[in-house]
Amino acid sequence: MFWTELCFILVALMIGARIGRRIFRDGRRVRRRRDGFYFWPDAFYATD
């Protein structure tokens, strides 16, 4: 029982780390994309 639970916890942690990294990367990409496409045109329109 102990070893099966330990293996299950380790696998769950590995999967969670992978999913967390993917979500973190996507969040950074979305943030950069938002900075590039939404805030820049606003600055250009403000100057015009």
N, C-alpha and C. Protein backbone atom coordinates (compact mmCIF):
# COMPACT_ATOMS: atom_id res chain seq x y z
N MET A 1 0.83 -1.20 0.00
CA MET A 1 0.00 0.00 0.00
C MET A 1 0.86 1.26 0.00
N PHE A 2 1.86 1.27 0.86
CA PHE A 2 2.69 2.47 0.97
C PHE A 2 3.38 2.80 -0.35
N TRP A 3 3.96 1.76 -0.99
CA TRP A 3 4.71 2.02 -2.23
C TRP A 3 3.78 2.43 -3.36
N THR A 4 2.60 1.80 -3.44
CA THR A 4 1.68 2.18 -4.52
C THR A 4 1.21 3.62 -4.33
N GLU A 5 0.92 4.01 -3.09
CA GLU A 5 0.52 5.39 -2.83
C GLU A 5 1.65 6.36 -3.16
N LEU A 6 2.88 5.99 -2.79
CA LEU A 6 4.02 6.85 -3.06
C LEU A 6 4.21 7.03 -4.57
N CYS A 7 4.12 5.92 -5.31
CA CYS A 7 4.26 6.01 -6.78
C CYS A 7 3.15 6.87 -7.36
N PHE A 8 1.93 6.70 -6.88
CA PHE A 8 0.81 7.48 -7.39
C PHE A 8 1.03 8.97 -7.13
N ILE A 9 1.50 9.31 -5.93
CA ILE A 9 1.77 10.71 -5.58
C ILE A 9 2.87 11.28 -6.47
N LEU A 10 3.92 10.49 -6.70
CA LEU A 10 5.02 10.97 -7.55
C LEU A 10 4.53 11.23 -8.97
N VAL A 11 3.75 10.29 -9.51
CA VAL A 11 3.22 10.47 -10.87
C VAL A 11 2.31 11.71 -10.93
N ALA A 12 1.47 11.87 -9.92
CA ALA A 12 0.57 13.03 -9.89
C ALA A 12 1.37 14.33 -9.84
N LEU A 13 2.44 14.35 -9.05
CA LEU A 13 3.27 15.55 -8.97
C LEU A 13 3.94 15.85 -10.31
N MET A 14 4.44 14.81 -10.98
CA MET A 14 5.08 15.01 -12.28
C MET A 14 4.09 15.57 -13.29
N ILE A 15 2.89 14.98 -13.33
CA ILE A 15 1.86 15.46 -14.27
C ILE A 15 1.47 16.90 -13.92
N GLY A 16 1.29 17.18 -12.63
CA GLY A 16 0.93 18.53 -12.21
C GLY A 16 2.00 19.54 -12.56
N ALA A 17 3.27 19.16 -12.42
CA ALA A 17 4.36 20.07 -12.77
C ALA A 17 4.35 20.37 -14.26
N ARG A 18 4.12 19.33 -15.07
CA ARG A 18 4.08 19.55 -16.53
C ARG A 18 2.93 20.47 -16.90
N ILE A 19 1.74 20.19 -16.35
CA ILE A 19 0.58 21.02 -16.67
C ILE A 19 0.80 22.45 -16.17
N GLY A 20 1.36 22.59 -14.97
CA GLY A 20 1.61 23.91 -14.42
C GLY A 20 2.58 24.71 -15.28
N ARG A 21 3.64 24.05 -15.74
CA ARG A 21 4.60 24.74 -16.62
C ARG A 21 3.93 25.18 -17.91
N ARG A 22 3.09 24.30 -18.48
CA ARG A 22 2.42 24.65 -19.73
C ARG A 22 1.50 25.84 -19.53
N ILE A 23 0.74 25.84 -18.42
CA ILE A 23 -0.17 26.95 -18.14
C ILE A 23 0.64 28.23 -17.92
N PHE A 24 1.77 28.12 -17.18
CA PHE A 24 2.60 29.30 -16.91
C PHE A 24 3.15 29.88 -18.22
N ARG A 25 3.64 28.98 -19.11
CA ARG A 25 4.16 29.45 -20.41
C ARG A 25 3.06 30.11 -21.22
N ASP A 26 1.87 29.49 -21.28
CA ASP A 26 0.77 30.07 -22.04
C ASP A 26 0.39 31.43 -21.46
N GLY A 27 0.38 31.54 -20.14
CA GLY A 27 0.04 32.81 -19.51
C GLY A 27 1.04 33.90 -19.88
N ARG A 28 2.33 33.56 -19.89
CA ARG A 28 3.34 34.54 -20.27
C ARG A 28 3.16 34.94 -21.73
N ARG A 29 2.89 33.95 -22.60
CA ARG A 29 2.68 34.26 -24.02
C ARG A 29 1.49 35.18 -24.20
N VAL A 30 0.38 34.85 -23.52
CA VAL A 30 -0.82 35.68 -23.66
C VAL A 30 -0.54 37.09 -23.16
N ARG A 31 0.18 37.20 -22.06
CA ARG A 31 0.49 38.52 -21.51
C ARG A 31 1.32 39.33 -22.50
N ARG A 32 2.35 38.68 -23.08
CA ARG A 32 3.19 39.38 -24.07
C ARG A 32 2.36 39.77 -25.28
N ARG A 33 1.52 38.84 -25.74
CA ARG A 33 0.69 39.11 -26.91
C ARG A 33 -0.22 40.30 -26.62
N ARG A 34 -0.79 40.32 -25.42
CA ARG A 34 -1.67 41.42 -25.04
C ARG A 34 -0.89 42.73 -25.02
N ASP A 35 0.32 42.71 -24.47
CA ASP A 35 1.15 43.92 -24.44
C ASP A 35 1.43 44.39 -25.86
N GLY A 36 1.75 43.44 -26.76
CA GLY A 36 2.12 43.80 -28.12
C GLY A 36 0.95 44.33 -28.93
N PHE A 37 -0.21 43.64 -28.84
CA PHE A 37 -1.29 43.95 -29.78
C PHE A 37 -2.33 44.91 -29.22
N TYR A 38 -2.50 44.95 -27.90
CA TYR A 38 -3.55 45.80 -27.36
C TYR A 38 -3.02 47.16 -26.89
N PHE A 39 -1.86 47.16 -26.24
CA PHE A 39 -1.38 48.42 -25.67
C PHE A 39 -0.66 49.29 -26.70
N TRP A 40 0.03 48.66 -27.67
CA TRP A 40 0.74 49.47 -28.66
C TRP A 40 -0.20 50.31 -29.52
N PRO A 41 -1.27 49.73 -30.10
CA PRO A 41 -2.19 50.55 -30.90
C PRO A 41 -2.79 51.69 -30.08
N ASP A 42 -3.09 51.43 -28.81
CA ASP A 42 -3.62 52.50 -27.96
C ASP A 42 -2.63 53.65 -27.88
N ALA A 43 -1.34 53.34 -27.74
CA ALA A 43 -0.32 54.39 -27.65
C ALA A 43 -0.26 55.16 -28.97
N PHE A 44 -0.33 54.44 -30.09
CA PHE A 44 -0.27 55.12 -31.40
C PHE A 44 -1.48 56.03 -31.58
N TYR A 45 -2.67 55.53 -31.21
CA TYR A 45 -3.87 56.35 -31.36
C TYR A 45 -3.79 57.58 -30.47
N ALA A 46 -3.23 57.41 -29.27
CA ALA A 46 -3.12 58.54 -28.34
C ALA A 46 -2.20 59.61 -28.93
N THR A 47 -1.10 59.19 -29.57
CA THR A 47 -0.17 60.17 -30.15
C THR A 47 -0.81 60.84 -31.36
N ASP A 48 -1.58 60.08 -32.15
CA ASP A 48 -2.23 60.67 -33.32
C ASP A 48 -3.35 61.61 -32.84
